[in-house]
Amino acid sequence: PAGHEWREESTLRAALAGWQPPEWVPSNGKIETDETADDETPQQVTESMEDMIAKLGGLLDELKAVQQDLGGAKAQPADFEKDLDMNFHIDFVSAAANLRARNYGIKEAPRHKVKMIAGKIIPAIATSTACATALICIELFKLLQGKAKDQFRNSSNSFAINSFQMAEPSDARKIAGRHEDEILPDPINEPDAFDEIGNPLPERIRKVVWVAVPDPHTKWDRILVPAGTTIAGMLEMLEKDYGIIVSGWTVDVQSEENGSTGVVLYNRPRDASKLGFDQALLEETAPLDLSFQKAQMAILRCKEIRNKQLYTMQWKALQPEQIAKEKAFKDRPLKGVLEEKLGSLSGRRSLELALNLENADGEEVRSPPIVLEL
């Protein structure tokens, strides 16, 4: 029931009191990245039947030890029942489904919709779905037992040809270093960017340089932004701790009429000095206390100012009220800005931020997900 003590956060906290997750320690293993290096991987030795029997016996003994640790408790089959709220079946299915949806940017579903969908699913008995579910549960047991990585298995099965293969999972791919990608022209929008036989013209191929920050990292890493952080606090934290400059921040807003629409929340002003802007010349030509019309006329008449539009925009940006407005915006908490566009974030623990990143040299930065804790 909704008011049951098992649904209280205090019950969960009491159950986890005193438990500390183990600290992650990187391994000393090295990965050969030189494709030209000689393959010195030793050939696998085929196990004898006696060795396999001995290994199986050891696994069975380990299972018995696990059963003893559980105080003789026996596993009992649990029939799925969607209409009995006190069994937490729908709560588990809803939480697991929405976590997976959040991982892949899929629209999440409320609990009542999950209950409706789950009630229409026909249970799988002797199908590939049942096989995959069982194999996943075995790997979850290993995870709960704290097994080493070499004890886990990836499975590739085909019922059509009776092929069942297992392999030790690979390490997560590391994203490291500085790279240069080539962006080919679009044949539809840029048909003149190709020669007679369809190859892109070299001068129309764009080069994009990007760097990994942190160097290295994997897709499982995260950069956490503490709850309550303001926009200015996030900008300062990323630049100070990682050397990352946020050039833009967007959010996808869902609507029934237009679907998903990207909304810009922040754009970093360009460094006007790199475009030839001289603030001293501007203030001498058009003091900031002038009216906009008089300042605009002064800029247009000044022969030393070539980029009239740039100086006019900078005059507006340097106005005290504009500076105060920008500061007030940056002092707002990230959560409040997001809730204006997405609605209430109550009940969510975190939210990944969609940020455009670069370093001090203007190169694109690729980082792990930057996650705001709520």
Protein backbone atom coordinates (compact mmCIF):
# COMPACT_ATOMS: atom_id res chain seq x y z
CA PRO A 1 0.00 0.00 0.00
CA ALA A 2 1.05 3.58 -0.52
CA GLY A 3 1.48 4.22 3.22
CA HIS A 4 3.49 1.07 4.00
CA GLU A 5 6.76 1.53 5.90
CA TRP A 6 8.66 -0.26 3.13
CA ARG A 7 7.95 2.70 0.90
CA GLU A 8 9.51 5.15 3.35
CA GLU A 9 12.96 6.52 2.56
CA SER A 10 13.90 6.06 6.23
CA THR A 11 13.45 2.28 5.89
CA LEU A 12 15.89 2.14 3.00
CA ARG A 13 18.38 4.36 4.82
CA ALA A 14 18.19 2.13 7.89
CA ALA A 15 18.84 -0.97 5.79
CA LEU A 16 21.89 0.66 4.19
CA ALA A 17 23.24 2.20 7.42
CA GLY A 18 26.95 1.58 7.80
CA TRP A 19 27.44 0.26 4.26
CA GLN A 20 30.13 1.90 2.21
CA PRO A 21 30.63 1.17 -1.49
CA PRO A 22 34.15 -0.10 -2.27
CA GLU A 23 36.52 2.52 -3.61
CA TRP A 24 37.32 2.12 -7.30
CA VAL A 25 40.98 1.43 -7.96
CA PRO A 26 42.33 1.38 -11.53
CA SER A 27 44.02 -1.81 -12.63
CA ASN A 28 47.65 -2.05 -13.66
CA GLY A 29 46.78 -3.81 -16.91
CA LYS A 30 48.07 -2.30 -20.14
CA ILE A 31 46.29 -2.36 -23.48
CA GLU A 32 48.33 -2.61 -26.67
CA THR A 33 47.19 0.24 -28.92
CA ASP A 34 49.80 -0.19 -31.68
CA GLU A 35 48.06 -2.01 -34.53
CA THR A 36 51.45 -2.80 -36.10
CA ALA A 37 52.73 -4.58 -33.02
CA ASP A 38 53.23 -8.32 -33.27
CA ASP A 39 50.40 -10.39 -31.90
CA GLU A 40 51.96 -12.23 -28.99
CA THR A 41 48.68 -13.48 -27.57
CA PRO A 42 49.31 -17.06 -26.41
CA GLN A 43 47.13 -19.75 -27.88
CA GLN A 44 44.36 -20.94 -25.61
CA VAL A 45 44.94 -24.35 -24.10
CA THR A 46 41.97 -26.70 -24.38
CA GLU A 47 40.82 -27.89 -20.97
CA SER A 48 40.66 -31.56 -20.32
CA MET A 49 37.46 -33.23 -19.17
CA GLU A 50 39.00 -33.74 -15.71
CA ASP A 51 39.77 -30.03 -15.43
CA MET A 52 36.25 -29.04 -16.46
CA ILE A 53 34.73 -31.49 -13.94
CA ALA A 54 36.98 -30.09 -11.23
CA LYS A 55 35.96 -26.52 -12.14
CA LEU A 56 32.28 -27.48 -12.09
CA GLY A 57 32.72 -29.10 -8.68
CA GLY A 58 34.33 -25.92 -7.39
CA LEU A 59 31.41 -23.82 -8.65
CA LEU A 60 28.92 -26.16 -6.99
CA ASP A 61 30.83 -25.92 -3.71
CA GLU A 62 30.74 -22.14 -4.04
CA LEU A 63 26.98 -22.22 -4.53
CA LYS A 64 26.62 -24.33 -1.38
CA ALA A 65 28.71 -21.77 0.53
CA VAL A 66 26.44 -19.00 -0.71
CA GLN A 67 23.39 -20.95 0.48
CA GLN A 68 24.96 -21.32 3.93
CA ASP A 69 25.64 -17.58 4.05
CA LEU A 70 21.94 -17.03 3.40
CA GLY A 71 21.05 -19.04 6.50
CA GLY A 72 19.45 -21.90 4.60
CA ALA A 73 17.00 -19.64 2.81
CA LYS A 74 15.55 -21.12 -0.36
CA ALA A 75 14.58 -19.30 -3.51
CA GLN A 76 10.86 -19.20 -4.13
CA PRO A 77 9.20 -18.51 -7.49
CA ALA A 78 7.44 -15.15 -7.61
CA ASP A 79 4.46 -14.93 -9.92
CA PHE A 80 4.08 -11.53 -11.54
CA GLU A 81 0.97 -9.80 -10.22
CA LYS A 82 0.36 -6.26 -11.43
CA ASP A 83 -2.71 -5.57 -9.30
CA LEU A 84 -1.10 -6.24 -5.91
CA ASP A 85 0.73 -3.02 -5.06
CA MET A 86 2.29 -4.32 -1.87
CA ASN A 87 4.48 -6.77 -3.83
CA PHE A 88 6.42 -3.89 -5.50
CA HIS A 89 6.36 -5.67 -8.89
CA ILE A 90 5.07 -2.67 -10.83
CA ASP A 91 7.32 -0.33 -8.81
CA PHE A 92 10.37 -2.35 -9.83
CA VAL A 93 9.33 -2.63 -13.48
CA SER A 94 8.54 1.10 -13.63
CA ALA A 95 11.85 2.11 -12.02
CA ALA A 96 13.94 -0.24 -14.18
CA ALA A 97 12.18 0.72 -17.42
CA ASN A 98 12.49 4.46 -16.77
CA LEU A 99 16.15 4.16 -15.79
CA ARG A 100 16.85 2.44 -19.09
CA ALA A 101 14.80 5.04 -20.94
CA ARG A 102 16.78 7.82 -19.25
CA ASN A 103 20.06 6.19 -20.30
CA TYR A 104 19.07 6.31 -23.97
CA GLY A 105 17.08 9.55 -24.03
CA ILE A 106 13.73 7.76 -24.48
CA LYS A 107 10.58 9.41 -23.16
CA GLU A 108 9.81 8.07 -19.69
CA ALA A 109 6.43 6.62 -18.71
CA PRO A 110 4.39 7.20 -15.54
CA ARG A 111 3.70 4.27 -13.23
CA HIS A 112 0.08 3.78 -14.30
CA LYS A 113 1.11 3.53 -17.96
CA VAL A 114 3.82 0.99 -17.09
CA LYS A 115 1.20 -1.02 -15.20
CA MET A 116 -1.11 -0.99 -18.21
CA ILE A 117 1.63 -2.07 -20.64
CA ALA A 118 3.08 -4.74 -18.35
CA GLY A 119 -0.37 -6.28 -17.86
CA LYS A 120 -0.66 -6.94 -21.60
CA ILE A 121 2.69 -8.72 -21.98
CA ILE A 122 2.49 -12.49 -22.46
CA PRO A 123 5.09 -14.21 -20.24
CA ALA A 124 7.97 -15.84 -22.13
CA ILE A 125 8.62 -19.49 -21.17
CA ALA A 126 10.87 -21.20 -23.72
CA THR A 127 12.01 -18.35 -25.92
CA SER A 128 15.11 -16.26 -26.44
CA THR A 129 13.60 -13.66 -24.10
CA ALA A 130 13.52 -16.17 -21.25
CA CYS A 131 17.09 -17.22 -22.06
CA ALA A 132 18.34 -13.62 -22.05
CA THR A 133 16.53 -12.88 -18.79
CA ALA A 134 18.05 -15.91 -17.08
CA LEU A 135 21.56 -15.05 -18.28
CA ILE A 136 21.18 -11.47 -17.10
CA CYS A 137 20.04 -12.66 -13.66
CA ILE A 138 23.11 -14.89 -13.40
CA GLU A 139 25.35 -11.89 -14.12
CA LEU A 140 23.44 -9.86 -11.52
CA PHE A 141 24.13 -12.55 -8.92
CA LYS A 142 27.85 -12.28 -9.75
CA LEU A 143 27.65 -8.52 -9.33
CA LEU A 144 26.01 -8.87 -5.91
CA GLN A 145 28.69 -11.39 -4.89
CA GLY A 146 31.47 -8.99 -5.84
CA LYS A 147 32.99 -11.23 -8.50
CA ALA A 148 36.02 -10.10 -10.46
CA LYS A 149 35.54 -8.94 -14.05
CA ASP A 150 37.00 -12.12 -15.51
CA GLN A 151 34.15 -14.08 -13.89
CA PHE A 152 31.48 -12.26 -15.89
CA ARG A 153 30.36 -13.34 -19.34
CA ASN A 154 28.90 -11.78 -22.46
CA SER A 155 26.53 -14.15 -24.27
CA SER A 156 25.77 -14.46 -27.98
CA ASN A 157 23.08 -17.04 -28.68
CA SER A 158 21.22 -18.12 -31.79
CA PHE A 159 18.34 -20.56 -31.36
CA ALA A 160 18.09 -20.99 -35.12
CA ILE A 161 21.44 -22.78 -35.41
CA ASN A 162 21.86 -23.92 -31.80
CA SER A 163 24.83 -21.62 -31.28
CA PHE A 164 25.56 -20.54 -27.70
CA GLN A 165 28.77 -18.59 -27.15
CA MET A 166 30.17 -16.81 -24.12
CA ALA A 167 33.15 -14.50 -23.75
CA GLU A 168 34.74 -12.40 -21.05
CA PRO A 169 33.57 -8.76 -21.34
CA SER A 170 36.09 -6.26 -22.68
CA ASP A 171 37.20 -3.19 -20.79
CA ALA A 172 35.30 -0.01 -21.53
CA ARG A 173 36.80 1.85 -24.49
CA LYS A 174 38.96 4.74 -23.35
CA ILE A 175 38.52 8.16 -24.93
CA ALA A 176 41.86 9.92 -24.82
CA GLY A 177 44.14 12.40 -26.53
CA ARG A 178 43.67 14.93 -29.30
CA HIS A 179 42.02 13.96 -32.59
CA GLU A 180 41.11 15.44 -35.95
CA ASP A 181 37.91 14.32 -37.68
CA GLU A 182 36.97 14.97 -41.28
CA ILE A 183 33.43 16.21 -41.97
CA LEU A 184 32.36 15.37 -45.52
CA PRO A 185 30.05 17.78 -47.39
CA ASP A 186 26.35 17.00 -47.69
CA PRO A 187 25.65 15.73 -51.24
CA ILE A 188 22.08 17.08 -51.13
CA ASN A 189 22.79 20.61 -49.89
CA GLU A 190 26.29 20.90 -51.40
CA PRO A 191 26.20 19.09 -54.77
CA ASP A 192 28.99 21.30 -56.14
CA ALA A 193 31.39 19.98 -53.46
CA PHE A 194 32.04 16.77 -55.43
CA ASP A 195 33.99 15.98 -58.60
CA GLU A 196 32.75 14.16 -61.72
CA ILE A 197 33.01 10.68 -60.17
CA GLY A 198 31.44 11.65 -56.84
CA ASN A 199 34.49 12.15 -54.65
CA PRO A 200 34.42 15.16 -52.30
CA LEU A 201 36.72 18.02 -53.24
CA PRO A 202 39.61 18.28 -50.74
CA GLU A 203 39.00 21.98 -50.10
CA ARG A 204 35.36 21.25 -49.14
CA ILE A 205 36.26 18.69 -46.45
CA ARG A 206 36.10 20.34 -43.05
CA LYS A 207 38.55 19.44 -40.29
CA VAL A 208 37.27 19.29 -36.72
CA VAL A 209 39.78 19.02 -33.88
CA TRP A 210 38.63 17.67 -30.53
CA VAL A 211 40.29 16.73 -27.26
CA ALA A 212 39.26 14.34 -24.49
CA VAL A 213 38.69 15.84 -21.03
CA PRO A 214 39.43 14.22 -18.62
CA ASP A 215 42.18 12.42 -20.49
CA PRO A 216 41.47 9.52 -20.53
CA HIS A 217 37.85 8.70 -19.64
CA THR A 218 35.19 6.13 -20.49
CA LYS A 219 31.44 6.34 -21.06
CA TRP A 220 30.90 5.13 -17.49
CA ASP A 221 32.61 8.19 -15.98
CA ARG A 222 30.61 11.21 -14.85
CA ILE A 223 31.30 14.85 -14.03
CA LEU A 224 28.93 15.68 -11.18
CA VAL A 225 27.59 19.18 -10.60
CA PRO A 226 26.39 19.48 -6.97
CA ALA A 227 22.75 20.27 -6.21
CA GLY A 228 22.01 23.96 -5.81
CA THR A 229 24.81 25.05 -8.16
CA THR A 230 24.17 28.26 -10.08
CA ILE A 231 25.00 28.85 -13.74
CA ALA A 232 28.02 30.94 -12.74
CA GLY A 233 29.08 28.23 -10.28
CA MET A 234 28.94 25.56 -12.97
CA LEU A 235 30.91 27.68 -15.44
CA GLU A 236 33.57 28.38 -12.82
CA MET A 237 33.78 24.75 -11.62
CA LEU A 238 34.22 23.29 -15.11
CA GLU A 239 36.85 25.86 -16.11
CA LYS A 240 38.79 25.65 -12.83
CA ASP A 241 38.70 21.87 -12.32
CA TYR A 242 38.82 20.63 -15.92
CA GLY A 243 39.88 23.54 -18.13
CA ILE A 244 36.49 23.31 -19.88
CA ILE A 245 34.72 26.39 -21.24
CA VAL A 246 30.96 26.14 -21.76
CA SER A 247 30.09 27.75 -25.08
CA GLY A 248 26.42 26.78 -25.08
CA TRP A 249 23.66 25.07 -23.09
CA THR A 250 20.47 23.67 -24.56
CA VAL A 251 17.58 21.53 -23.38
CA ASP A 252 15.06 19.39 -25.29
CA VAL A 253 11.48 20.41 -24.52
CA GLN A 254 8.74 17.89 -25.29
CA SER A 255 5.34 18.97 -26.59
CA GLU A 256 2.47 17.04 -28.13
CA GLU A 257 2.23 19.47 -31.04
CA ASN A 258 5.88 19.80 -32.08
CA GLY A 259 7.51 16.79 -30.42
CA SER A 260 11.04 17.47 -29.17
CA THR A 261 12.35 21.02 -29.64
CA GLY A 262 15.79 22.27 -28.67
CA VAL A 263 15.74 25.44 -26.57
CA VAL A 264 18.90 27.52 -26.02
CA LEU A 265 19.43 28.44 -22.37
CA TYR A 266 22.90 29.97 -22.53
CA ASN A 267 25.35 31.16 -25.18
CA ARG A 268 28.82 32.32 -24.24
CA PRO A 269 29.58 35.76 -25.65
CA ARG A 270 32.38 35.75 -28.21
CA ASP A 271 35.69 37.37 -27.26
CA ALA A 272 35.31 40.68 -29.07
CA SER A 273 39.01 41.49 -28.72
CA LYS A 274 39.80 38.66 -31.15
CA LEU A 275 37.59 40.41 -33.70
CA GLY A 276 39.52 43.65 -33.44
CA PHE A 277 37.42 45.35 -30.75
CA ASP A 278 39.10 48.15 -28.76
CA GLN A 279 37.09 49.10 -25.65
CA ALA A 280 39.12 52.25 -25.01
CA LEU A 281 38.36 53.47 -28.53
CA LEU A 282 34.68 52.73 -28.04
CA GLU A 283 34.40 54.64 -24.75
CA GLU A 284 36.33 57.57 -26.23
CA THR A 285 34.08 57.67 -29.30
CA ALA A 286 30.75 56.84 -27.66
CA PRO A 287 30.74 57.19 -23.85
CA LEU A 288 28.45 54.70 -22.13
CA ASP A 289 26.28 57.46 -20.63
CA LEU A 290 25.12 58.63 -24.07
CA SER A 291 21.72 57.72 -25.43
CA PHE A 292 21.70 54.82 -27.85
CA GLN A 293 20.88 57.06 -30.85
CA LYS A 294 23.77 59.44 -30.12
CA ALA A 295 26.18 56.56 -29.45
CA GLN A 296 25.19 54.88 -32.70
CA MET A 297 25.74 58.08 -34.67
CA ALA A 298 29.14 58.61 -33.04
CA ILE A 299 30.22 55.09 -33.97
CA LEU A 300 29.05 55.53 -37.56
CA ARG A 301 31.00 58.79 -37.91
CA CYS A 302 34.23 57.44 -36.45
CA LYS A 303 36.67 56.60 -39.28
CA GLU A 304 38.89 54.50 -37.01
CA ILE A 305 36.02 52.05 -36.36
CA ARG A 306 35.58 49.72 -39.31
CA ASN A 307 33.25 47.10 -37.84
CA LYS A 308 30.38 49.39 -36.92
CA GLN A 309 28.01 46.56 -35.99
CA LEU A 310 30.50 44.96 -33.59
CA TYR A 311 31.11 48.22 -31.74
CA THR A 312 27.38 48.94 -31.53
CA MET A 313 26.70 45.50 -30.03
CA GLN A 314 29.55 45.92 -27.54
CA TRP A 315 28.24 49.35 -26.50
CA LYS A 316 24.92 47.71 -25.63
CA ALA A 317 26.63 44.83 -23.79
CA LEU A 318 28.67 47.25 -21.64
CA GLN A 319 25.62 49.11 -20.36
CA PRO A 320 25.33 48.74 -16.55
CA GLU A 321 21.75 47.45 -16.71
CA GLN A 322 22.77 44.80 -19.27
CA ILE A 323 25.70 43.69 -17.11
CA ALA A 324 23.39 43.50 -14.05
CA LYS A 325 20.84 41.49 -16.04
CA GLU A 326 23.49 39.00 -17.17
CA LYS A 327 24.82 38.65 -13.63
CA ALA A 328 21.33 38.02 -12.24
CA PHE A 329 20.80 35.28 -14.84
CA LYS A 330 24.11 33.58 -14.02
CA ASP A 331 23.30 33.70 -10.31
CA ARG A 332 20.19 31.56 -10.83
CA PRO A 333 20.31 27.88 -9.76
CA LEU A 334 20.52 25.44 -12.67
CA LYS A 335 17.51 23.52 -11.39
CA GLY A 336 15.28 26.60 -11.44
CA VAL A 337 16.23 27.43 -15.03
CA LEU A 338 15.52 23.85 -16.12
CA GLU A 339 12.17 23.70 -14.33
CA GLU A 340 10.99 26.76 -16.24
CA LYS A 341 11.33 24.74 -19.45
CA LEU A 342 10.75 21.14 -18.33
CA GLY A 343 8.31 21.54 -15.46
CA SER A 344 8.82 20.15 -11.98
CA LEU A 345 11.87 17.92 -11.46
CA SER A 346 10.57 16.65 -8.13
CA GLY A 347 11.41 12.98 -7.59
CA ARG A 348 14.39 12.98 -9.93
CA ARG A 349 17.83 12.39 -8.49
CA SER A 350 19.86 13.85 -11.33
CA LEU A 351 19.70 15.22 -14.87
CA GLU A 352 22.29 15.15 -17.63
CA LEU A 353 23.12 18.57 -19.03
CA ALA A 354 23.43 19.16 -22.79
CA LEU A 355 26.46 21.45 -23.00
CA ASN A 356 28.68 22.58 -25.87
CA LEU A 357 32.26 22.52 -24.61
CA GLU A 358 35.64 23.83 -25.74
CA ASN A 359 39.06 24.47 -24.27
CA ALA A 360 41.05 27.70 -24.01
CA ASP A 361 42.36 27.18 -27.56
CA GLY A 362 38.84 27.01 -28.97
CA GLU A 363 39.03 23.25 -29.67
CA GLU A 364 35.97 21.07 -29.16
CA VAL A 365 35.98 19.13 -25.88
CA ARG A 366 34.46 15.67 -25.53
CA SER A 367 33.83 14.72 -21.94
CA PRO A 368 31.85 12.19 -19.92
CA PRO A 369 28.21 13.11 -19.24
CA ILE A 370 27.98 16.23 -17.07
CA VAL A 371 25.24 15.46 -14.57
CA LEU A 372 23.40 17.89 -12.29
CA GLU A 373 22.54 16.36 -8.93
CA LEU A 374 19.04 17.33 -7.86
